[in-house]
Amino acid sequence: MTRRPARKANSNEPAGPPPAGPPYVGALLRLSWQRVRRHIDEAVRAKGFTDLRDAHLAVFSYPPPDGVRLSDLARQLRMSRQATNYLVGQLEELDYLERRAAPGSERRLIHLTARGRKVVAALHASLRALQAQWAREIGRERFADFMEVLRILSTQAPPSPAG
């Protein structure tokens, strides 16, 4: 793998032109995401949560569903309300989530159970470990720059379409 020279400190200009061909940014992000998902899956299973599937783990993504409406969770997951309701029902049966009436309303909100909070804690621990591993692999400074770029790009992302 050829390394491009690092950009100059305090400069928004890259040190050289971006690569002209594949793999493009989408593929690189997808491949990195697949590595994240494998790491999460292995860590969660190692903690004893062997009854969770990939689709279930998506429900626990940031921010986790604690005190949210089904329609808001569906929008966050970019899934239909029907599909989200199906997943939430499965996670209720597995004792990760529960639906409770909102204070002063008949509307029910989705909340984490104690078991659900343990999964979220395992996910967070897994991601902290992966971030530390990546910082060791590419260097702390480069990893900090990488995280900063991701933060900038994620705050500029358009809102998700209504689900």
C-alpha atoms as a PDB file:
ATOM      1  CA  MET A   1       0.000   0.000   0.000  1.00  0.00           C
ATOM      2  CA  THR A   2       1.461   3.376  -0.980  1.00  0.00           C
ATOM      3  CA  ARG A   3       1.230   6.089   1.595  1.00  0.00           C
ATOM      4  CA  ARG A   4       0.567   9.631   0.580  1.00  0.00           C
ATOM      5  CA  PRO A   5       2.501  12.330   2.379  1.00  0.00           C
ATOM      6  CA  ALA A   6       0.637  13.847   5.300  1.00  0.00           C
ATOM      7  CA  ARG A   7      -0.867  17.283   4.826  1.00  0.00           C
ATOM      8  CA  LYS A   8       0.899  20.225   6.344  1.00  0.00           C
ATOM      9  CA  ALA A   9      -0.133  21.226   9.863  1.00  0.00           C
ATOM     10  CA  ASN A  10      -2.877  23.876   9.952  1.00  0.00           C
ATOM     11  CA  SER A  11      -3.524  23.453   6.234  1.00  0.00           C
ATOM     12  CA  ASN A  12      -6.777  22.431   4.627  1.00  0.00           C
ATOM     13  CA  GLU A  13      -4.940  21.602   1.410  1.00  0.00           C
ATOM     14  CA  PRO A  14      -3.879  17.984   0.892  1.00  0.00           C
ATOM     15  CA  ALA A  15      -0.212  17.294   0.270  1.00  0.00           C
ATOM     16  CA  GLY A  16      -0.955  15.861  -3.168  1.00  0.00           C
ATOM     17  CA  PRO A  17      -3.810  15.103  -5.545  1.00  0.00           C
ATOM     18  CA  PRO A  18      -6.364  12.500  -4.469  1.00  0.00           C
ATOM     19  CA  PRO A  19      -6.072   9.074  -6.083  1.00  0.00           C
ATOM     20  CA  ALA A  20      -7.789   8.975  -9.485  1.00  0.00           C
ATOM     21  CA  GLY A  21      -9.291   5.511  -9.440  1.00  0.00           C
ATOM     22  CA  PRO A  22     -10.821   2.795  -7.328  1.00  0.00           C
ATOM     23  CA  PRO A  23     -11.284   2.015  -4.627  1.00  0.00           C
ATOM     24  CA  TYR A  24     -13.411   5.096  -4.164  1.00  0.00           C
ATOM     25  CA  VAL A  25     -14.514   6.562  -0.856  1.00  0.00           C
ATOM     26  CA  GLY A  26     -17.737   4.538  -0.718  1.00  0.00           C
ATOM     27  CA  ALA A  27     -15.918   1.238  -1.047  1.00  0.00           C
ATOM     28  CA  LEU A  28     -13.287   2.204   1.515  1.00  0.00           C
ATOM     29  CA  LEU A  29     -15.953   3.278   4.019  1.00  0.00           C
ATOM     30  CA  ARG A  30     -17.931   0.073   3.388  1.00  0.00           C
ATOM     31  CA  LEU A  31     -14.858  -2.111   3.892  1.00  0.00           C
ATOM     32  CA  SER A  32     -13.980  -0.239   7.084  1.00  0.00           C
ATOM     33  CA  TRP A  33     -17.586  -0.557   8.278  1.00  0.00           C
ATOM     34  CA  GLN A  34     -17.488  -4.304   7.637  1.00  0.00           C
ATOM     35  CA  ARG A  35     -14.403  -4.509   9.840  1.00  0.00           C
ATOM     36  CA  VAL A  36     -16.227  -2.551  12.566  1.00  0.00           C
ATOM     37  CA  ARG A  37     -19.265  -4.840  12.319  1.00  0.00           C
ATOM     38  CA  ARG A  38     -17.115  -8.001  12.562  1.00  0.00           C
ATOM     39  CA  HIS A  39     -15.372  -6.599  15.633  1.00  0.00           C
ATOM     40  CA  ILE A  40     -18.686  -5.681  17.283  1.00  0.00           C
ATOM     41  CA  ASP A  41     -20.233  -9.054  16.477  1.00  0.00           C
ATOM     42  CA  GLU A  42     -17.282 -10.967  17.931  1.00  0.00           C
ATOM     43  CA  ALA A  43     -17.171  -8.806  21.068  1.00  0.00           C
ATOM     44  CA  VAL A  44     -20.917  -9.014  21.726  1.00  0.00           C
ATOM     45  CA  ARG A  45     -20.929 -12.781  21.252  1.00  0.00           C
ATOM     46  CA  ALA A  46     -17.899 -13.113  23.542  1.00  0.00           C
ATOM     47  CA  LYS A  47     -19.921 -11.302  26.238  1.00  0.00           C
ATOM     48  CA  GLY A  48     -22.615 -13.984  25.949  1.00  0.00           C
ATOM     49  CA  PHE A  49     -25.173 -12.190  23.772  1.00  0.00           C
ATOM     50  CA  THR A  50     -25.356 -15.010  21.245  1.00  0.00           C
ATOM     51  CA  ASP A  51     -29.061 -14.518  20.507  1.00  0.00           C
ATOM     52  CA  LEU A  52     -28.559 -11.206  18.676  1.00  0.00           C
ATOM     53  CA  ARG A  53     -28.416 -11.005  14.880  1.00  0.00           C
ATOM     54  CA  ASP A  54     -26.942  -8.207  12.746  1.00  0.00           C
ATOM     55  CA  ALA A  55     -30.361  -6.621  12.299  1.00  0.00           C
ATOM     56  CA  HIS A  56     -30.815  -6.568  16.079  1.00  0.00           C
ATOM     57  CA  LEU A  57     -27.442  -4.898  16.612  1.00  0.00           C
ATOM     58  CA  ALA A  58     -28.455  -2.071  14.273  1.00  0.00           C
ATOM     59  CA  VAL A  59     -31.230  -1.166  16.730  1.00  0.00           C
ATOM     60  CA  PHE A  60     -28.615  -0.489  19.415  1.00  0.00           C
ATOM     61  CA  SER A  61     -26.605   1.915  17.245  1.00  0.00           C
ATOM     62  CA  TYR A  62     -25.930   5.476  18.358  1.00  0.00           C
ATOM     63  CA  PRO A  63     -27.977   6.887  19.930  1.00  0.00           C
ATOM     64  CA  PRO A  64     -29.434   3.758  21.544  1.00  0.00           C
ATOM     65  CA  PRO A  65     -33.233   3.460  21.725  1.00  0.00           C
ATOM     66  CA  ASP A  66     -34.038   4.591  25.239  1.00  0.00           C
ATOM     67  CA  GLY A  67     -37.268   6.549  25.501  1.00  0.00           C
ATOM     68  CA  VAL A  68     -37.911   6.869  21.761  1.00  0.00           C
ATOM     69  CA  ARG A  69     -41.016   6.493  19.645  1.00  0.00           C
ATOM     70  CA  LEU A  70     -41.146   3.641  17.161  1.00  0.00           C
ATOM     71  CA  SER A  71     -41.468   6.082  14.246  1.00  0.00           C
ATOM     72  CA  ASP A  72     -38.343   7.971  15.374  1.00  0.00           C
ATOM     73  CA  LEU A  73     -36.378   4.735  15.705  1.00  0.00           C
ATOM     74  CA  ALA A  74     -37.558   3.652  12.236  1.00  0.00           C
ATOM     75  CA  ARG A  75     -36.363   6.956  10.791  1.00  0.00           C
ATOM     76  CA  GLN A  76     -32.983   6.603  12.541  1.00  0.00           C
ATOM     77  CA  LEU A  77     -32.580   3.065  11.195  1.00  0.00           C
ATOM     78  CA  ARG A  78     -33.898   4.067   7.745  1.00  0.00           C
ATOM     79  CA  MET A  79     -36.400   1.229   7.924  1.00  0.00           C
ATOM     80  CA  SER A  80     -40.163   1.047   7.606  1.00  0.00           C
ATOM     81  CA  ARG A  81     -42.180   1.279  10.816  1.00  0.00           C
ATOM     82  CA  GLN A  82     -43.423  -2.256  10.165  1.00  0.00           C
ATOM     83  CA  ALA A  83     -39.900  -3.699   9.915  1.00  0.00           C
ATOM     84  CA  THR A  84     -38.775  -1.716  12.956  1.00  0.00           C
ATOM     85  CA  ASN A  85     -41.815  -2.903  14.921  1.00  0.00           C
ATOM     86  CA  TYR A  86     -40.902  -6.496  14.021  1.00  0.00           C
ATOM     87  CA  LEU A  87     -37.313  -6.065  15.275  1.00  0.00           C
ATOM     88  CA  VAL A  88     -38.453  -4.288  18.438  1.00  0.00           C
ATOM     89  CA  GLY A  89     -40.915  -7.132  19.079  1.00  0.00           C
ATOM     90  CA  GLN A  90     -38.122  -9.683  18.763  1.00  0.00           C
ATOM     91  CA  LEU A  91     -35.898  -7.656  21.108  1.00  0.00           C
ATOM     92  CA  GLU A  92     -38.766  -7.420  23.611  1.00  0.00           C
ATOM     93  CA  GLU A  93     -39.115 -11.216  23.553  1.00  0.00           C
ATOM     94  CA  LEU A  94     -35.356 -11.513  24.149  1.00  0.00           C
ATOM     95  CA  ASP A  95     -35.602  -9.006  27.059  1.00  0.00           C
ATOM     96  CA  TYR A  96     -33.425  -6.277  25.516  1.00  0.00           C
ATOM     97  CA  LEU A  97     -36.189  -3.706  25.017  1.00  0.00           C
ATOM     98  CA  GLU A  98     -39.560  -2.885  26.511  1.00  0.00           C
ATOM     99  CA  ARG A  99     -42.374  -0.518  25.602  1.00  0.00           C
ATOM    100  CA  ARG A 100     -43.768   1.693  28.326  1.00  0.00           C
ATOM    101  CA  ALA A 101     -46.382   4.420  28.327  1.00  0.00           C
ATOM    102  CA  ALA A 102     -44.953   7.912  28.088  1.00  0.00           C
ATOM    103  CA  PRO A 103     -45.659  10.047  31.173  1.00  0.00           C
ATOM    104  CA  GLY A 104     -48.985  11.834  30.693  1.00  0.00           C
ATOM    105  CA  SER A 105     -49.661  10.135  27.362  1.00  0.00           C
ATOM    106  CA  GLU A 106     -51.102   6.949  25.964  1.00  0.00           C
ATOM    107  CA  ARG A 107     -48.203   6.732  23.541  1.00  0.00           C
ATOM    108  CA  ARG A 108     -45.717   3.963  24.251  1.00  0.00           C
ATOM    109  CA  LEU A 109     -41.990   4.584  24.102  1.00  0.00           C
ATOM    110  CA  ILE A 110     -39.217   2.074  23.564  1.00  0.00           C
ATOM    111  CA  HIS A 111     -36.778   1.691  26.454  1.00  0.00           C
ATOM    112  CA  LEU A 112     -33.721  -0.431  27.094  1.00  0.00           C
ATOM    113  CA  THR A 113     -34.053  -3.120  29.745  1.00  0.00           C
ATOM    114  CA  ALA A 114     -31.180  -3.926  32.096  1.00  0.00           C
ATOM    115  CA  ARG A 115     -30.074  -6.562  29.582  1.00  0.00           C
ATOM    116  CA  GLY A 116     -30.318  -4.002  26.777  1.00  0.00           C
ATOM    117  CA  ARG A 117     -28.110  -1.586  28.718  1.00  0.00           C
ATOM    118  CA  LYS A 118     -25.532  -4.378  29.093  1.00  0.00           C
ATOM    119  CA  VAL A 119     -25.480  -4.836  25.308  1.00  0.00           C
ATOM    120  CA  VAL A 120     -24.978  -1.092  24.809  1.00  0.00           C
ATOM    121  CA  ALA A 121     -22.115  -1.163  27.334  1.00  0.00           C
ATOM    122  CA  ALA A 122     -20.560  -4.129  25.484  1.00  0.00           C
ATOM    123  CA  LEU A 123     -20.903  -2.264  22.173  1.00  0.00           C
ATOM    124  CA  HIS A 124     -19.256   0.851  23.595  1.00  0.00           C
ATOM    125  CA  ALA A 125     -16.399  -1.177  25.115  1.00  0.00           C
ATOM    126  CA  SER A 126     -15.929  -2.982  21.803  1.00  0.00           C
ATOM    127  CA  LEU A 127     -15.749   0.282  19.867  1.00  0.00           C
ATOM    128  CA  ARG A 128     -13.313   1.847  22.335  1.00  0.00           C
ATOM    129  CA  ALA A 129     -11.074  -1.213  21.941  1.00  0.00           C
ATOM    130  CA  LEU A 130     -11.287  -1.041  18.152  1.00  0.00           C
ATOM    131  CA  GLN A 131     -10.468   2.671  18.156  1.00  0.00           C
ATOM    132  CA  ALA A 132      -7.432   2.003  20.339  1.00  0.00           C
ATOM    133  CA  GLN A 133      -6.369  -0.802  17.988  1.00  0.00           C
ATOM    134  CA  TRP A 134      -6.700   1.431  14.918  1.00  0.00           C
ATOM    135  CA  ALA A 135      -4.778   4.227  16.674  1.00  0.00           C
ATOM    136  CA  ARG A 136      -1.948   1.739  17.279  1.00  0.00           C
ATOM    137  CA  GLU A 137      -2.089   0.556  13.657  1.00  0.00           C
ATOM    138  CA  ILE A 138      -1.907   3.970  11.994  1.00  0.00           C
ATOM    139  CA  GLY A 139      -0.577   6.152  14.799  1.00  0.00           C
ATOM    140  CA  ARG A 140      -2.435   8.230  17.360  1.00  0.00           C
ATOM    141  CA  GLU A 141      -2.118  11.512  15.472  1.00  0.00           C
ATOM    142  CA  ARG A 142      -3.344  10.089  12.176  1.00  0.00           C
ATOM    143  CA  PHE A 143      -6.222   8.365  13.958  1.00  0.00           C
ATOM    144  CA  ALA A 144      -7.178  11.621  15.712  1.00  0.00           C
ATOM    145  CA  ASP A 145      -7.172  13.351  12.305  1.00  0.00           C
ATOM    146  CA  PHE A 146      -9.280  10.523  10.869  1.00  0.00           C
ATOM    147  CA  MET A 147     -11.840  10.886  13.671  1.00  0.00           C
ATOM    148  CA  GLU A 148     -11.959  14.656  13.210  1.00  0.00           C
ATOM    149  CA  VAL A 149     -12.607  14.260   9.479  1.00  0.00           C
ATOM    150  CA  LEU A 150     -15.403  11.772  10.200  1.00  0.00           C
ATOM    151  CA  ARG A 151     -16.958  14.186  12.714  1.00  0.00           C
ATOM    152  CA  ILE A 152     -16.858  17.024  10.187  1.00  0.00           C
ATOM    153  CA  LEU A 153     -18.353  14.915   7.409  1.00  0.00           C
ATOM    154  CA  SER A 154     -21.055  13.449   9.656  1.00  0.00           C
ATOM    155  CA  THR A 155     -22.235  16.877  10.829  1.00  0.00           C
ATOM    156  CA  GLN A 156     -22.538  17.990   7.205  1.00  0.00           C
ATOM    157  CA  ALA A 157     -24.627  14.969   6.238  1.00  0.00           C
ATOM    158  CA  PRO A 158     -28.183  15.695   5.099  1.00  0.00           C
ATOM    159  CA  PRO A 159     -30.938  14.511   7.454  1.00  0.00           C
ATOM    160  CA  SER A 160     -32.292  11.017   6.891  1.00  0.00           C
ATOM    161  CA  PRO A 161     -35.480  10.846   4.831  1.00  0.00           C
ATOM    162  CA  ALA A 162     -38.697  10.255   6.778  1.00  0.00           C
ATOM    163  CA  GLY A 163     -39.320   6.559   7.338  1.00  0.00           C
END
